[in-house]
N, C-alpha and C. Protein backbone atom coordinates (compact mmCIF):
# COMPACT_ATOMS: atom_id res chain seq x y z
N MET A 1 19.82 -32.11 22.69
CA MET A 1 19.15 -31.33 23.69
C MET A 1 19.06 -29.87 23.27
N ALA A 2 20.11 -29.36 22.67
CA ALA A 2 20.10 -27.95 22.25
C ALA A 2 18.99 -27.70 21.24
N LYS A 3 18.78 -28.68 20.34
CA LYS A 3 17.72 -28.52 19.33
C LYS A 3 16.35 -28.44 20.00
N ALA A 4 16.14 -29.26 21.00
CA ALA A 4 14.85 -29.24 21.71
C ALA A 4 14.62 -27.88 22.36
N TYR A 5 15.65 -27.34 23.01
CA TYR A 5 15.52 -26.01 23.62
C TYR A 5 15.25 -24.95 22.57
N THR A 6 15.93 -25.05 21.42
CA THR A 6 15.72 -24.08 20.34
C THR A 6 14.29 -24.14 19.85
N GLU A 7 13.76 -25.34 19.66
CA GLU A 7 12.38 -25.48 19.17
C GLU A 7 11.37 -24.96 20.20
N LEU A 8 11.60 -25.22 21.47
CA LEU A 8 10.71 -24.70 22.51
C LEU A 8 10.76 -23.18 22.56
N ALA A 9 11.95 -22.62 22.40
CA ALA A 9 12.09 -21.16 22.39
C ALA A 9 11.41 -20.57 21.15
N ASP A 10 11.57 -21.22 20.01
CA ASP A 10 10.94 -20.74 18.77
C ASP A 10 9.42 -20.74 18.89
N CYS A 11 8.87 -21.69 19.63
CA CYS A 11 7.42 -21.77 19.84
C CYS A 11 6.94 -20.80 20.92
N GLY A 12 7.88 -20.17 21.61
CA GLY A 12 7.51 -19.24 22.67
C GLY A 12 7.17 -19.89 23.99
N ILE A 13 7.54 -21.16 24.15
CA ILE A 13 7.22 -21.87 25.38
C ILE A 13 8.22 -21.56 26.48
N ILE A 14 9.49 -21.41 26.09
CA ILE A 14 10.51 -21.07 27.08
C ILE A 14 11.26 -19.82 26.64
N ASP A 15 11.91 -19.20 27.59
CA ASP A 15 12.74 -18.02 27.33
C ASP A 15 14.17 -18.43 27.61
N THR A 16 15.03 -18.28 26.62
CA THR A 16 16.43 -18.69 26.77
C THR A 16 17.36 -17.50 26.61
N GLY A 17 17.05 -16.42 27.28
CA GLY A 17 17.87 -15.21 27.19
C GLY A 17 19.33 -15.48 27.48
N ALA A 18 20.21 -14.70 26.89
CA ALA A 18 21.65 -14.88 27.05
C ALA A 18 22.06 -14.79 28.52
N GLY A 19 22.91 -15.73 28.93
CA GLY A 19 23.48 -15.67 30.27
C GLY A 19 22.59 -16.15 31.39
N ARG A 20 21.48 -16.80 31.08
CA ARG A 20 20.64 -17.32 32.16
C ARG A 20 20.01 -18.65 31.74
N ALA A 21 19.56 -19.37 32.72
CA ALA A 21 18.93 -20.67 32.45
C ALA A 21 17.60 -20.47 31.75
N ALA A 22 17.19 -21.49 31.00
CA ALA A 22 15.90 -21.44 30.31
C ALA A 22 14.78 -21.40 31.35
N ARG A 23 13.77 -20.59 31.07
CA ARG A 23 12.61 -20.47 31.97
C ARG A 23 11.34 -20.69 31.17
N VAL A 24 10.41 -21.40 31.79
CA VAL A 24 9.11 -21.60 31.15
C VAL A 24 8.34 -20.29 31.23
N LYS A 25 7.79 -19.87 30.10
CA LYS A 25 7.01 -18.63 30.07
C LYS A 25 5.60 -18.90 30.60
N ARG A 26 5.05 -17.90 31.24
CA ARG A 26 3.64 -18.00 31.66
C ARG A 26 2.78 -17.79 30.42
N VAL A 27 1.82 -18.65 30.26
CA VAL A 27 0.91 -18.52 29.13
C VAL A 27 -0.51 -18.43 29.66
N LYS A 28 -1.35 -17.74 28.91
CA LYS A 28 -2.73 -17.65 29.35
C LYS A 28 -3.42 -18.98 29.09
N PRO A 29 -4.41 -19.32 29.88
CA PRO A 29 -5.12 -20.59 29.72
C PRO A 29 -5.79 -20.67 28.34
N ILE A 30 -5.83 -21.88 27.82
CA ILE A 30 -6.48 -22.11 26.53
C ILE A 30 -7.97 -22.32 26.80
N PRO A 31 -8.84 -21.61 26.07
CA PRO A 31 -10.29 -21.77 26.28
C PRO A 31 -10.72 -23.22 26.06
N GLU A 32 -11.59 -23.70 26.92
CA GLU A 32 -12.04 -25.10 26.86
C GLU A 32 -12.61 -25.51 25.50
N PRO A 33 -13.41 -24.68 24.81
CA PRO A 33 -13.90 -25.10 23.49
C PRO A 33 -12.76 -25.35 22.50
N LEU A 34 -11.69 -24.57 22.60
CA LEU A 34 -10.55 -24.78 21.72
C LEU A 34 -9.80 -26.05 22.08
N VAL A 35 -9.69 -26.34 23.37
CA VAL A 35 -9.05 -27.59 23.81
C VAL A 35 -9.82 -28.79 23.26
N ARG A 36 -11.14 -28.74 23.34
CA ARG A 36 -11.97 -29.85 22.83
C ARG A 36 -11.80 -30.01 21.32
N ALA A 37 -11.79 -28.89 20.60
CA ALA A 37 -11.62 -28.95 19.14
C ALA A 37 -10.25 -29.52 18.78
N ALA A 38 -9.22 -29.12 19.52
CA ALA A 38 -7.87 -29.63 19.26
C ALA A 38 -7.79 -31.13 19.53
N LYS A 39 -8.45 -31.58 20.59
CA LYS A 39 -8.44 -33.01 20.89
C LYS A 39 -9.15 -33.79 19.81
N THR A 40 -10.28 -33.29 19.34
CA THR A 40 -11.01 -33.95 18.26
C THR A 40 -10.14 -34.05 17.01
N TYR A 41 -9.47 -32.95 16.66
CA TYR A 41 -8.59 -32.94 15.48
C TYR A 41 -7.44 -33.93 15.67
N ALA A 42 -6.80 -33.92 16.84
CA ALA A 42 -5.68 -34.82 17.09
C ALA A 42 -6.12 -36.28 17.03
N ASP A 43 -7.27 -36.59 17.62
CA ASP A 43 -7.79 -37.96 17.58
C ASP A 43 -8.03 -38.41 16.15
N GLU A 44 -8.62 -37.55 15.34
CA GLU A 44 -8.90 -37.91 13.94
C GLU A 44 -7.61 -38.05 13.14
N ALA A 45 -6.66 -37.16 13.36
CA ALA A 45 -5.38 -37.24 12.64
C ALA A 45 -4.66 -38.55 12.98
N ARG A 46 -4.67 -38.93 14.26
CA ARG A 46 -4.05 -40.21 14.66
C ARG A 46 -4.80 -41.38 14.02
N ARG A 47 -6.13 -41.32 14.00
CA ARG A 47 -6.93 -42.39 13.39
C ARG A 47 -6.57 -42.57 11.93
N LEU A 48 -6.26 -41.47 11.26
CA LEU A 48 -5.89 -41.51 9.85
C LEU A 48 -4.43 -41.92 9.63
N GLY A 49 -3.68 -42.05 10.72
CA GLY A 49 -2.28 -42.46 10.61
C GLY A 49 -1.32 -41.32 10.33
N ALA A 50 -1.76 -40.09 10.54
CA ALA A 50 -0.91 -38.93 10.28
C ALA A 50 0.13 -38.77 11.39
N SER A 51 1.30 -38.30 11.00
CA SER A 51 2.32 -37.95 11.99
C SER A 51 1.96 -36.60 12.60
N LEU A 52 2.58 -36.27 13.72
CA LEU A 52 2.36 -34.97 14.33
C LEU A 52 2.76 -33.86 13.37
N ASP A 53 3.89 -34.03 12.68
CA ASP A 53 4.32 -33.02 11.71
C ASP A 53 3.29 -32.83 10.61
N ASP A 54 2.76 -33.94 10.07
CA ASP A 54 1.77 -33.83 9.01
C ASP A 54 0.49 -33.16 9.51
N ALA A 55 0.06 -33.52 10.71
CA ALA A 55 -1.16 -32.91 11.27
C ALA A 55 -0.95 -31.42 11.50
N PHE A 56 0.22 -31.05 12.02
CA PHE A 56 0.54 -29.65 12.25
C PHE A 56 0.58 -28.88 10.94
N ASN A 57 1.24 -29.45 9.93
CA ASN A 57 1.34 -28.78 8.63
C ASN A 57 -0.03 -28.63 7.97
N ALA A 58 -0.89 -29.63 8.12
CA ALA A 58 -2.24 -29.54 7.56
C ALA A 58 -3.02 -28.42 8.24
N LEU A 59 -2.89 -28.31 9.54
CA LEU A 59 -3.57 -27.23 10.27
C LEU A 59 -3.04 -25.87 9.84
N CYS A 60 -1.73 -25.74 9.74
CA CYS A 60 -1.13 -24.46 9.33
C CYS A 60 -1.58 -24.07 7.92
N ALA A 61 -1.72 -25.04 7.04
CA ALA A 61 -2.14 -24.75 5.67
C ALA A 61 -3.56 -24.20 5.62
N GLN A 62 -4.38 -24.57 6.61
CA GLN A 62 -5.76 -24.09 6.65
C GLN A 62 -5.90 -22.75 7.35
N TRP A 63 -4.87 -22.34 8.06
CA TRP A 63 -4.93 -21.11 8.83
C TRP A 63 -4.97 -19.96 7.89
């Protein structure tokens, strides 16, 4: 469980400041065109049999 909290904090999804419970951070909405593009990419990556880690790493390599 601690690893999951650490990964969420590293991604900026939650705030785990010292001495208090983890809190979900407010994030701005993701633009709809980007959501559609991400879904298309995820669908294709799954079709190709890629793991989430492989799909994420491939995206990061192109950034």
